[in-house]
N, C-alpha and C. Protein backbone atom coordinates (compact mmCIF):
# COMPACT_ATOMS: atom_id res chain seq x y z
N MET A 1 8.98 5.76 12.52
CA MET A 1 8.46 4.90 12.45
C MET A 1 8.15 4.69 11.21
N ALA A 2 8.68 3.28 10.51
CA ALA A 2 8.53 3.02 9.33
C ALA A 2 7.92 2.82 8.50
N ASP A 3 7.33 3.10 7.30
CA ASP A 3 6.15 3.37 6.51
C ASP A 3 6.74 1.84 6.22
N SER A 4 4.55 1.57 6.12
CA SER A 4 4.42 0.51 5.03
C SER A 4 4.53 0.34 3.72
N LEU A 5 4.89 -0.83 3.39
CA LEU A 5 5.42 -0.66 1.83
C LEU A 5 3.77 -1.03 0.89
N GLY A 6 3.09 -2.24 1.84
CA GLY A 6 1.80 -1.99 1.40
C GLY A 6 0.25 -1.11 1.72
N GLY A 7 0.79 -0.67 2.88
CA GLY A 7 -0.53 1.11 2.46
C GLY A 7 0.48 1.75 1.98
N SER A 8 1.69 1.49 1.08
CA SER A 8 1.85 3.07 0.02
C SER A 8 0.98 2.56 -1.15
N LEU A 9 1.48 1.12 -1.64
CA LEU A 9 0.66 0.66 -2.71
C LEU A 9 -0.92 1.04 -2.44
N ASP A 10 -1.46 0.34 -1.43
CA ASP A 10 -2.96 0.50 -1.06
C ASP A 10 -2.73 2.88 -1.59
N ARG A 11 -1.91 3.21 -1.18
CA ARG A 11 -2.45 5.31 -1.13
C ARG A 11 -1.91 5.57 -2.89
N ALA A 12 -0.70 4.81 -3.44
CA ALA A 12 -0.95 4.57 -4.78
C ALA A 12 -2.02 4.74 -5.44
N LEU A 13 -2.86 3.58 -5.24
CA LEU A 13 -4.25 3.09 -5.82
C LEU A 13 -5.16 3.86 -5.50
N GLU A 14 -5.30 4.73 -4.71
CA GLU A 14 -6.16 6.10 -3.98
C GLU A 14 -5.43 7.22 -4.64
N GLY A 15 -4.62 7.29 -5.15
CA GLY A 15 -4.14 8.52 -5.76
C GLY A 15 -5.29 8.55 -6.92
N ALA A 16 -5.61 7.62 -7.58
CA ALA A 16 -6.15 7.95 -8.82
C ALA A 16 -7.95 7.51 -8.91
N PHE A 17 -8.11 7.86 -7.71
CA PHE A 17 -9.16 8.03 -7.31
C PHE A 17 -10.26 9.23 -8.06
N THR A 18 -11.38 9.66 -8.71
CA THR A 18 -11.91 10.72 -9.13
C THR A 18 -12.77 11.25 -8.81
N ARG A 19 -13.28 10.48 -7.43
CA ARG A 19 -14.29 11.54 -5.85
C ARG A 19 -13.72 11.21 -4.75
N PRO A 20 -13.24 12.14 -3.72
CA PRO A 20 -13.04 12.15 -2.47
C PRO A 20 -13.77 10.59 -1.46
N ALA A 21 -13.75 10.25 -0.65
CA ALA A 21 -14.31 8.81 -0.09
C ALA A 21 -14.79 9.84 0.92
N PRO A 22 -16.43 9.64 1.65
CA PRO A 22 -17.33 10.10 2.57
C PRO A 22 -16.23 10.55 3.71
N LYS A 23 -16.40 11.45 4.33
CA LYS A 23 -16.05 12.00 5.44
C LYS A 23 -16.12 11.69 6.71
N SER A 24 -17.73 12.22 6.99
CA SER A 24 -18.44 11.47 7.88
C SER A 24 -18.47 10.58 8.49
N ALA A 25 -18.56 10.34 9.91
CA ALA A 25 -18.80 9.64 10.52
C ALA A 25 -20.20 8.58 9.85
N ARG A 26 -21.13 9.39 9.56
CA ARG A 26 -22.34 9.00 9.66
C ARG A 26 -22.43 8.92 7.99
N LYS A 27 -21.76 9.54 6.92
CA LYS A 27 -21.45 9.07 5.42
C LYS A 27 -20.98 7.60 5.21
N GLN A 28 -19.73 7.70 5.92
CA GLN A 28 -18.98 6.35 5.69
C GLN A 28 -20.56 4.97 6.68
N MET A 29 -20.58 5.17 7.74
CA MET A 29 -22.35 4.23 7.65
C MET A 29 -22.55 4.04 6.65
N GLU A 30 -23.28 5.16 6.18
CA GLU A 30 -24.28 5.04 5.34
C GLU A 30 -23.87 3.94 3.75
N TYR A 31 -22.30 4.46 3.54
CA TYR A 31 -21.83 3.40 2.34
C TYR A 31 -21.45 2.23 2.93
N LEU A 32 -20.79 1.96 4.05
CA LEU A 32 -20.68 0.51 4.65
C LEU A 32 -22.27 -0.17 4.42
N VAL A 33 -22.56 0.85 4.51
CA VAL A 33 -23.74 -0.28 5.26
C VAL A 33 -24.37 -0.62 3.83
N LYS A 34 -24.22 0.39 2.97
CA LYS A 34 -25.17 -0.10 1.26
C LYS A 34 -24.18 -0.92 0.52
N GLN A 35 -22.57 -1.61 0.72
CA GLN A 35 -21.74 -1.72 0.04
C GLN A 35 -22.28 -3.40 0.78
N LEU A 36 -22.65 -3.43 2.61
CA LEU A 36 -21.90 -4.79 2.76
C LEU A 36 -23.61 -5.49 3.23
N LYS A 37 -24.64 -4.42 2.16
CA LYS A 37 -26.10 -4.97 2.44
C LYS A 37 -26.62 -5.22 4.22
N GLY A 38 -26.26 -4.53 5.04
CA GLY A 38 -26.82 -4.47 6.71
C GLY A 38 -25.79 -3.61 7.57
N THR A 39 -26.47 -3.93 8.64
CA THR A 39 -26.28 -2.72 9.50
C THR A 39 -25.33 -3.53 10.40
N LYS A 40 -26.19 -5.45 10.10
CA LYS A 40 -25.37 -6.38 11.20
C LYS A 40 -23.88 -6.42 10.86
N ALA A 41 -23.76 -6.61 9.46
CA ALA A 41 -22.54 -6.74 8.65
C ALA A 41 -21.83 -5.64 8.87
N VAL A 42 -21.88 -4.92 8.56
CA VAL A 42 -21.22 -3.28 9.01
C VAL A 42 -20.76 -3.64 10.55
N ALA A 43 -21.34 -4.06 11.81
CA ALA A 43 -21.07 -3.78 13.02
C ALA A 43 -19.87 -5.55 13.31
N GLN A 44 -20.53 -5.64 12.47
CA GLN A 44 -19.33 -7.05 12.72
C GLN A 44 -17.64 -6.88 12.20
N LEU A 45 -17.80 -6.24 10.98
CA LEU A 45 -16.51 -6.10 10.52
C LEU A 45 -16.11 -5.19 11.23
N LEU A 46 -16.57 -4.53 11.69
CA LEU A 46 -16.07 -2.72 13.10
C LEU A 46 -16.30 -3.27 14.24
N GLY A 47 -16.45 -4.52 14.73
CA GLY A 47 -16.72 -4.69 16.17
C GLY A 47 -17.50 -3.69 16.99
N MET A 48 -18.60 -3.38 16.40
CA MET A 48 -19.27 -2.54 17.81
C MET A 48 -20.49 -3.18 17.58
N SER A 49 -21.36 -2.78 17.93
CA SER A 49 -22.55 -3.14 18.65
C SER A 49 -23.27 -2.44 17.10
N ARG A 50 -24.31 -4.02 16.99
CA ARG A 50 -25.39 -3.07 15.66
C ARG A 50 -26.75 -1.73 15.71
N ARG A 51 -26.98 -1.82 17.14
CA ARG A 51 -27.10 -0.50 17.91
C ARG A 51 -26.84 0.71 17.65
N GLN A 52 -25.50 0.78 17.83
CA GLN A 52 -24.36 1.45 17.74
C GLN A 52 -23.98 1.99 16.19
N VAL A 53 -24.03 0.90 15.82
CA VAL A 53 -23.93 1.28 13.92
C VAL A 53 -25.31 2.80 13.53
N GLU A 54 -26.76 2.00 14.22
CA GLU A 54 -27.42 2.77 13.66
C GLU A 54 -27.58 4.06 14.35
N ARG A 55 -27.19 4.37 15.28
CA ARG A 55 -26.62 5.78 16.23
C ARG A 55 -26.34 6.48 14.71
N TYR A 56 -25.24 6.06 14.72
CA TYR A 56 -24.73 6.49 13.84
C TYR A 56 -25.45 7.17 12.24
N LEU A 57 -25.92 6.33 11.99
CA LEU A 57 -26.88 6.16 10.67
C LEU A 57 -27.70 7.59 11.24
N ALA A 58 -28.41 7.40 12.60
CA ALA A 58 -29.72 8.01 12.41
C ALA A 58 -28.96 9.64 12.97
N GLY A 59 -27.69 10.09 12.94
CA GLY A 59 -26.86 11.17 13.68
C GLY A 59 -27.05 11.29 14.94
N GLN A 60 -27.72 10.54 15.55
CA GLN A 60 -27.41 10.24 17.09
C GLN A 60 -25.81 10.61 17.19
N ALA A 61 -25.17 10.22 17.11
CA ALA A 61 -23.76 8.95 17.21
C ALA A 61 -23.12 10.01 16.20
N LYS A 62 -21.67 11.39 16.47
CA LYS A 62 -21.12 11.57 15.13
C LYS A 62 -19.63 11.93 15.34
N THR A 63 -19.30 11.60 16.58
CA THR A 63 -17.48 11.97 16.55
C THR A 63 -17.37 10.49 17.56
N PRO A 64 -17.04 9.35 16.10
CA PRO A 64 -15.93 8.11 16.99
C PRO A 64 -14.53 8.51 17.34
N ARG A 65 -14.43 7.02 18.13
CA ARG A 65 -13.19 7.48 19.03
C ARG A 65 -12.06 7.09 17.73
N PRO A 66 -10.87 7.74 18.51
CA PRO A 66 -9.67 7.37 17.59
C PRO A 66 -9.91 5.94 16.64
N ALA A 67 -9.95 4.97 17.54
CA ALA A 67 -9.26 3.91 16.89
C ALA A 67 -10.84 3.40 15.59
N LEU A 68 -11.46 3.32 16.09
CA LEU A 68 -12.99 3.18 15.11
C LEU A 68 -12.71 4.03 13.94
N ALA A 69 -12.68 5.94 14.22
CA ALA A 69 -12.20 6.19 13.57
C ALA A 69 -11.30 6.28 12.11
N ALA A 70 -10.16 5.60 12.35
CA ALA A 70 -9.04 4.92 11.78
C ALA A 70 -9.85 3.72 10.88
N ARG A 71 -10.24 2.59 12.01
CA ARG A 71 -11.37 1.39 10.71
C ARG A 71 -12.09 1.94 10.00
N LEU A 72 -12.88 2.64 10.56
CA LEU A 72 -13.58 3.57 9.37
C LEU A 72 -13.32 3.78 8.37
N GLU A 73 -12.92 4.54 8.52
CA GLU A 73 -12.01 5.22 7.05
C GLU A 73 -11.46 4.27 6.76
N ARG A 74 -10.53 2.77 6.88
CA ARG A 74 -9.40 1.91 6.34
C ARG A 74 -10.21 1.05 5.42
N GLU A 75 -12.18 1.10 5.84
CA GLU A 75 -12.77 -0.42 5.59
C GLU A 75 -13.38 1.11 4.42
N VAL A 76 -13.76 1.63 4.32
CA VAL A 76 -13.90 2.80 3.64
C VAL A 76 -13.51 2.73 2.34
N LYS A 77 -12.51 3.17 2.30
CA LYS A 77 -11.21 3.39 1.18
C LYS A 77 -10.91 1.83 0.50
N LYS A 78 -11.18 1.05 1.51
CA LYS A 78 -10.53 -0.01 1.05
C LYS A 78 -11.77 -0.68 -0.35
N ARG A 79 -12.88 -0.13 -0.01
CA ARG A 79 -13.63 -0.61 -0.71
C ARG A 79 -14.55 0.68 -1.75
N TRP A 80 -13.66 1.84 -1.64
CA TRP A 80 -14.21 3.05 -2.66
C TRP A 80 -13.44 2.89 -3.82
N GLN A 81 -14.93 3.32 -4.93
CA GLN A 81 -14.50 3.17 -6.01
C GLN A 81 -13.33 1.77 -6.88
N PRO A 82 -14.05 1.02 -6.97
CA PRO A 82 -13.24 -0.58 -7.29
C PRO A 82 -13.01 -0.38 -8.44
N GLN A 83 -14.05 0.10 -9.17
CA GLN A 83 -13.54 -0.09 -10.67
C GLN A 83 -12.46 1.02 -11.22
N ILE A 84 -12.23 2.03 -10.42
CA ILE A 84 -11.39 2.91 -10.69
C ILE A 84 -9.84 2.82 -10.30
N ARG A 85 -9.58 1.68 -9.39
CA ARG A 85 -8.00 1.14 -8.80
C ARG A 85 -8.43 -0.17 -9.43
N ALA A 86 -9.38 -0.66 -9.64
CA ALA A 86 -8.36 -1.81 -10.35
C ALA A 86 -7.97 -1.58 -11.87
N LYS A 87 -8.71 -0.06 -12.99
CA LYS A 87 -8.21 0.35 -13.84
C LYS A 87 -6.55 0.92 -13.84
N ALA A 88 -6.32 1.09 -12.70
CA ALA A 88 -4.66 1.94 -12.22
C ALA A 88 -4.27 0.88 -12.37
N ARG A 89 -4.44 0.01 -11.53
CA ARG A 89 -3.44 -1.24 -11.43
C ARG A 89 -3.35 -1.75 -12.41
N LYS A 90 -4.44 -2.77 -13.04
CA LYS A 90 -4.00 -2.63 -14.68
C LYS A 90 -3.29 -2.10 -15.66
N LYS A 91 -3.38 -1.03 -15.11
CA LYS A 91 -2.77 0.39 -16.34
C LYS A 91 -1.32 0.18 -15.58
N ALA A 92 -1.04 0.25 -14.43
CA ALA A 92 0.09 0.28 -13.39
C ALA A 92 1.24 -1.29 -13.97
N SER A 93 0.30 -2.35 -14.40
CA SER A 93 0.84 -3.67 -14.63
C SER A 93 0.72 -4.24 -15.67
N SER A 94 0.28 -3.05 -17.04
CA SER A 94 0.45 -4.06 -17.89
C SER A 94 1.35 -2.69 -18.83
N THR A 95 0.94 -1.76 -18.55
CA THR A 95 1.96 -0.36 -19.42
C THR A 95 3.15 0.28 -18.57
N ASP A 96 2.19 0.94 -17.59
CA ASP A 96 2.78 2.19 -17.45
C ASP A 96 4.10 2.15 -15.98
N GLY A 97 4.14 1.14 -15.51
CA GLY A 97 5.15 0.21 -14.03
C GLY A 97 5.12 1.54 -13.00
N VAL A 98 5.26 1.12 -11.98
CA VAL A 98 5.08 2.44 -10.40
C VAL A 98 6.68 3.27 -10.47
N VAL A 99 6.73 3.92 -9.49
CA VAL A 99 8.27 4.46 -9.55
C VAL A 99 8.19 4.13 -7.87
N VAL A 100 9.03 3.65 -7.12
CA VAL A 100 9.43 4.20 -5.99
C VAL A 100 10.56 4.65 -5.64
N SER A 101 10.33 5.35 -4.62
CA SER A 101 10.79 6.32 -3.63
C SER A 101 11.18 6.08 -2.64
N THR A 102 12.45 5.63 -1.58
CA THR A 102 12.54 5.10 -0.43
C THR A 102 13.72 5.72 -0.05
N ARG A 103 14.16 5.38 1.50
CA ARG A 103 14.70 5.93 1.85
C ARG A 103 15.08 4.44 3.12
N ALA A 104 16.27 3.76 3.25
CA ALA A 104 16.46 2.64 3.59
C ALA A 104 17.64 2.01 3.66
N ARG A 105 18.27 0.99 4.17
CA ARG A 105 19.48 0.42 3.93
C ARG A 105 19.57 -0.54 2.69
N PHE A 106 20.37 -0.44 2.21
CA PHE A 106 20.55 -1.36 1.44
C PHE A 106 22.36 -1.92 1.50
N GLY A 107 22.54 -3.15 0.91
CA GLY A 107 23.89 -3.49 0.95
C GLY A 107 24.08 -4.49 0.28
N PHE A 108 25.12 -4.91 0.36
CA PHE A 108 25.22 -6.47 -0.63
C PHE A 108 26.72 -7.07 0.60
N THR A 109 26.95 -8.51 0.18
CA THR A 109 27.63 -9.15 0.88
C THR A 109 29.23 -8.61 0.29
N ALA A 110 29.78 -7.48 0.90
CA ALA A 110 31.19 -7.71 0.54
C ALA A 110 32.23 -7.90 1.69
N ALA A 111 33.07 -6.75 1.75
CA ALA A 111 33.92 -6.69 2.84
C ALA A 111 33.88 -5.38 3.69
N PRO A 112 33.75 -5.31 4.79
CA PRO A 112 33.65 -4.05 5.50
C PRO A 112 34.49 -2.41 4.81
N GLY A 113 33.75 -1.49 4.36
CA GLY A 113 34.22 -0.26 4.18
C GLY A 113 34.53 0.13 2.62
N THR A 114 33.80 -1.06 2.36
CA THR A 114 33.81 -0.99 0.74
C THR A 114 32.45 0.11 0.04
N THR A 115 32.43 0.06 -0.89
CA THR A 115 31.16 0.77 -1.71
C THR A 115 30.20 -0.18 -1.19
N ASP A 116 30.36 -1.65 -1.50
CA ASP A 116 29.17 -2.88 -1.64
C ASP A 116 28.28 -2.52 0.52
N ASP A 117 29.29 -2.01 1.29
CA ASP A 117 28.90 -2.14 2.62
C ASP A 117 27.49 -1.24 2.78
N ALA A 118 26.82 -2.16 3.62
CA ALA A 118 25.56 -1.76 3.48
C ALA A 118 25.07 0.01 3.97
N ARG A 119 24.09 0.08 3.52
CA ARG A 119 24.23 1.79 4.02
C ARG A 119 22.93 2.49 3.97
N ILE A 120 23.02 3.85 5.01
CA ILE A 120 21.24 4.03 4.04
C ILE A 120 21.61 4.60 3.02
N ARG A 121 21.02 4.60 2.06
CA ARG A 121 20.55 4.78 1.01
C ARG A 121 18.80 5.77 0.29
N ASP A 122 18.97 6.56 -0.39
CA ASP A 122 17.68 7.39 -0.84
C ASP A 122 18.03 6.86 -2.10
N ILE A 123 16.63 6.56 -2.62
CA ILE A 123 16.73 6.04 -3.99
C ILE A 123 14.87 5.89 -4.64
N THR A 124 15.23 6.79 -5.61
CA THR A 124 14.04 6.84 -6.05
C THR A 124 13.93 6.21 -8.01
N GLN A 125 13.35 5.37 -8.23
CA GLN A 125 13.63 4.37 -9.09
C GLN A 125 12.43 3.85 -9.98
N ALA A 126 12.05 4.37 -11.37
CA ALA A 126 10.77 3.44 -11.95
C ALA A 126 10.90 2.07 -12.13
N LEU A 127 9.94 1.24 -11.56
CA LEU A 127 10.14 -0.18 -11.33
C LEU A 127 8.99 -0.61 -12.93
N PRO A 128 9.73 -1.35 -14.36
CA PRO A 128 8.64 -1.89 -14.94
C PRO A 128 7.51 -2.40 -14.70
N PRO A 129 6.22 -2.78 -15.34
CA PRO A 129 5.13 -2.95 -15.29
C PRO A 129 5.44 -4.49 -14.80
N ARG A 130 6.13 -5.09 -15.04
CA ARG A 130 6.40 -6.75 -14.21
C ARG A 130 6.05 -6.78 -13.04
N TRP A 131 7.45 -5.62 -12.35
CA TRP A 131 6.99 -5.76 -11.18
C TRP A 131 5.93 -5.11 -10.23
N ALA A 132 5.52 -4.16 -10.69
CA ALA A 132 4.46 -3.64 -10.43
C ALA A 132 2.98 -4.93 -10.44
N ASP A 133 3.54 -5.57 -11.07
CA ASP A 133 2.47 -6.77 -11.32
C ASP A 133 2.18 -7.42 -10.70
N ARG A 134 4.13 -7.37 -9.82
CA ARG A 134 4.34 -8.65 -8.90
C ARG A 134 3.62 -8.67 -7.79
N LEU A 135 3.72 -7.00 -7.33
CA LEU A 135 3.53 -6.50 -6.05
C LEU A 135 2.23 -6.25 -5.63
N PHE A 136 1.63 -5.73 -7.26
CA PHE A 136 0.19 -5.79 -6.48
C PHE A 136 -0.64 -6.87 -6.13
N THR A 137 -0.04 -8.09 -6.83
CA THR A 137 -0.83 -9.89 -6.89
C THR A 137 -0.06 -10.07 -5.50
N ALA A 138 1.19 -9.99 -5.20
CA ALA A 138 1.37 -10.40 -3.58
C ALA A 138 0.27 -9.64 -2.64
N ARG A 139 -0.13 -8.11 -2.78
CA ARG A 139 -0.51 -7.38 -1.57
C ARG A 139 -1.83 -7.83 -1.91
N GLU A 140 -2.86 -8.31 -2.86
CA GLU A 140 -3.91 -8.96 -2.93
C GLU A 140 -4.07 -10.09 -2.61
N GLN A 141 -3.15 -10.79 -2.12
CA GLN A 141 -3.16 -12.09 -2.05
C GLN A 141 -2.83 -12.37 -0.98
N GLY A 142 -2.99 -10.92 0.02
CA GLY A 142 -2.15 -10.97 1.16
C GLY A 142 -0.84 -11.52 2.24
N ALA A 143 0.19 -11.14 1.04
CA ALA A 143 1.59 -11.93 1.27
C ALA A 143 2.06 -10.25 2.61
N ASP A 144 2.61 -10.57 3.62
CA ASP A 144 3.43 -9.58 4.71
C ASP A 144 4.45 -8.43 4.14
N GLU A 145 4.50 -7.82 4.91
CA GLU A 145 4.86 -6.93 4.81
C GLU A 145 6.32 -7.14 4.44
N ARG A 146 7.49 -8.41 4.75
CA ARG A 146 8.89 -8.87 4.59
C ARG A 146 8.77 -9.13 3.24
N ARG A 147 7.55 -9.91 2.73
CA ARG A 147 7.61 -10.19 1.34
C ARG A 147 7.81 -9.24 0.45
N LEU A 148 6.40 -8.62 0.31
CA LEU A 148 6.41 -7.05 -0.08
C LEU A 148 7.29 -6.74 -0.39
N GLN A 149 8.42 -6.56 1.14
CA GLN A 149 9.61 -5.74 0.50
C GLN A 149 10.36 -6.64 0.22
N GLN A 150 10.81 -7.97 -0.06
CA GLN A 150 11.50 -8.98 -0.96
C GLN A 150 11.28 -8.58 -2.13
N ILE A 151 9.92 -8.26 -2.62
CA ILE A 151 9.49 -8.07 -4.22
C ILE A 151 10.01 -6.76 -4.47
N ALA A 152 10.11 -5.51 -3.60
CA ALA A 152 10.36 -4.76 -4.13
C ALA A 152 12.07 -4.64 -4.35
N ALA A 153 12.54 -5.65 -3.19
CA ALA A 153 14.28 -5.19 -3.19
C ALA A 153 14.98 -5.77 -4.38
N GLU A 154 14.32 -6.86 -4.85
CA GLU A 154 14.52 -7.74 -6.35
C GLU A 154 14.85 -6.40 -7.38
N GLY A 155 13.29 -6.15 -6.99
CA GLY A 155 13.27 -4.99 -8.94
C GLY A 155 13.84 -3.97 -8.49
N LEU A 156 14.59 -2.94 -7.54
CA LEU A 156 15.46 -2.18 -8.16
C LEU A 156 17.03 -2.80 -7.53
N ALA A 157 17.00 -4.07 -7.16
CA ALA A 157 18.27 -4.51 -7.63
C ALA A 157 18.72 -4.73 -9.04
N GLU A 158 17.63 -5.10 -9.72
CA GLU A 158 17.65 -5.62 -11.08
C GLU A 158 17.73 -3.60 -11.84
N MET A 159 16.82 -3.15 -11.41
CA MET A 159 17.17 -2.05 -12.51
C MET A 159 17.84 -0.70 -11.74
N TYR A 160 17.97 -0.75 -10.26
CA TYR A 160 18.53 0.02 -10.06
C TYR A 160 20.15 -0.49 -9.81
N PHE A 161 20.68 -0.87 -8.93
CA PHE A 161 21.77 -1.56 -9.07
C PHE A 161 22.49 -2.49 -10.12
N ARG A 162 21.97 -3.06 -10.42
CA ARG A 162 22.49 -3.27 -12.21
C ARG A 162 21.64 -3.25 -13.62
N ALA A 163 21.23 -1.92 -13.22
CA ALA A 163 20.90 -1.11 -14.57
C ALA A 163 20.07 -2.37 -15.71
N ASP A 164 18.91 -2.59 -15.20
CA ASP A 164 18.14 -3.39 -16.08
C ASP A 164 19.20 -5.05 -16.13
N ASN A 165 19.83 -4.97 -15.37
CA ASN A 165 20.85 -6.47 -15.83
C ASN A 165 21.69 -6.43 -16.92
N THR A 166 22.26 -5.24 -16.91
CA THR A 166 22.75 -5.04 -17.83
C THR A 166 24.21 -5.04 -17.29
N ARG A 167 24.59 -4.66 -15.73
CA ARG A 167 25.12 -5.39 -15.46
C ARG A 167 26.01 -5.91 -14.14
N ALA A 168 27.37 -5.99 -13.24
CA ALA A 168 26.87 -6.85 -11.97
C ALA A 168 26.20 -8.03 -11.99
N GLN A 169 25.55 -8.59 -12.76
CA GLN A 169 24.92 -9.76 -12.95
C GLN A 169 25.51 -10.99 -11.43
N GLY A 170 23.94 -10.91 -10.92
CA GLY A 170 24.04 -12.17 -9.90
C GLY A 170 24.47 -11.21 -8.42
N LEU A 171 24.44 -10.01 -8.61
CA LEU A 171 24.44 -9.61 -7.61
C LEU A 171 22.88 -8.80 -6.64
N GLY A 172 23.08 -9.67 -5.21
CA GLY A 172 22.30 -10.16 -4.40
C GLY A 172 22.25 -8.74 -3.32
N VAL A 173 20.80 -7.48 -3.16
CA VAL A 173 20.60 -6.83 -2.44
C VAL A 173 19.80 -6.85 -1.83
N GLU A 174 20.72 -6.77 -0.06
CA GLU A 174 19.96 -6.51 1.07
C GLU A 174 18.93 -5.44 1.22
N PHE A 175 18.13 -5.28 1.57
CA PHE A 175 16.77 -3.89 1.84
C PHE A 175 16.31 -3.90 2.59
N THR A 176 16.89 -3.23 4.36
CA THR A 176 16.36 -3.67 5.50
C THR A 176 16.63 -1.86 5.75
N ASP A 177 15.57 -2.02 7.11
CA ASP A 177 15.96 -0.81 7.81
C ASP A 177 14.95 0.25 6.86
N MET A 178 14.25 0.27 6.81
CA MET A 178 12.83 0.97 5.11
C MET A 178 12.83 2.25 6.65
N GLU A 179 13.29 3.56 6.07
CA GLU A 179 13.00 4.56 6.64
C GLU A 179 11.53 4.96 5.84
N ARG A 180 11.41 4.83 4.92
CA ARG A 180 10.30 5.45 4.27
C ARG A 180 9.72 4.84 3.01
N ILE A 181 8.83 4.54 2.17
CA ILE A 181 8.70 4.07 1.42
C ILE A 181 7.12 5.06 0.55
N ASP A 182 7.70 5.55 -1.21
CA ASP A 182 6.27 5.94 -1.31
C ASP A 182 6.23 5.83 -2.49
N ILE A 183 5.12 5.27 -3.06
CA ILE A 183 4.89 4.44 -4.67
C ILE A 183 3.99 5.11 -4.86
N ASP A 184 4.50 5.76 -6.58
CA ASP A 184 4.10 6.29 -7.46
C ASP A 184 3.44 5.34 -8.57
N LEU A 185 2.04 6.03 -9.22
CA LEU A 185 1.67 5.20 -10.75
C LEU A 185 1.91 6.15 -11.90
């Protein structure tokens, strides 16, 4: 199954965390109740009863079903260390950029059998801050996976295939069949 570019962006920011997020269901519930200011909001967020949230807080329930455990972890990490996350995003978007490492099908419009014919390629490429900013901004605005891949393809086309626009002007790049993608800050 292909990795998601949005998930990879989130993991890159999580790599900047200075402390680990809570691991136990009880600690995760306590954190969410504090963040959302009440058990009712947490229950609605997780799609469960308020009473069940209270059971986790009291230690009566300890091991959530796998689907709930995944939602719980995702919601905690989404809210964990917002200032650290914002600082890492700002640094990537203003000075450092990001490094994209992917295995996907890249190709161009060309005659079959040429070197431009679409094929699976492993590419690791640093993208400058303007591309990091576009990716993070699109992610925050709720862009779908297709739009995020389109932005990444434009950045890889400019920096990898057109060598920072010093050659192959106007070359359009197709980015499909993504097998994996990792983004590092």
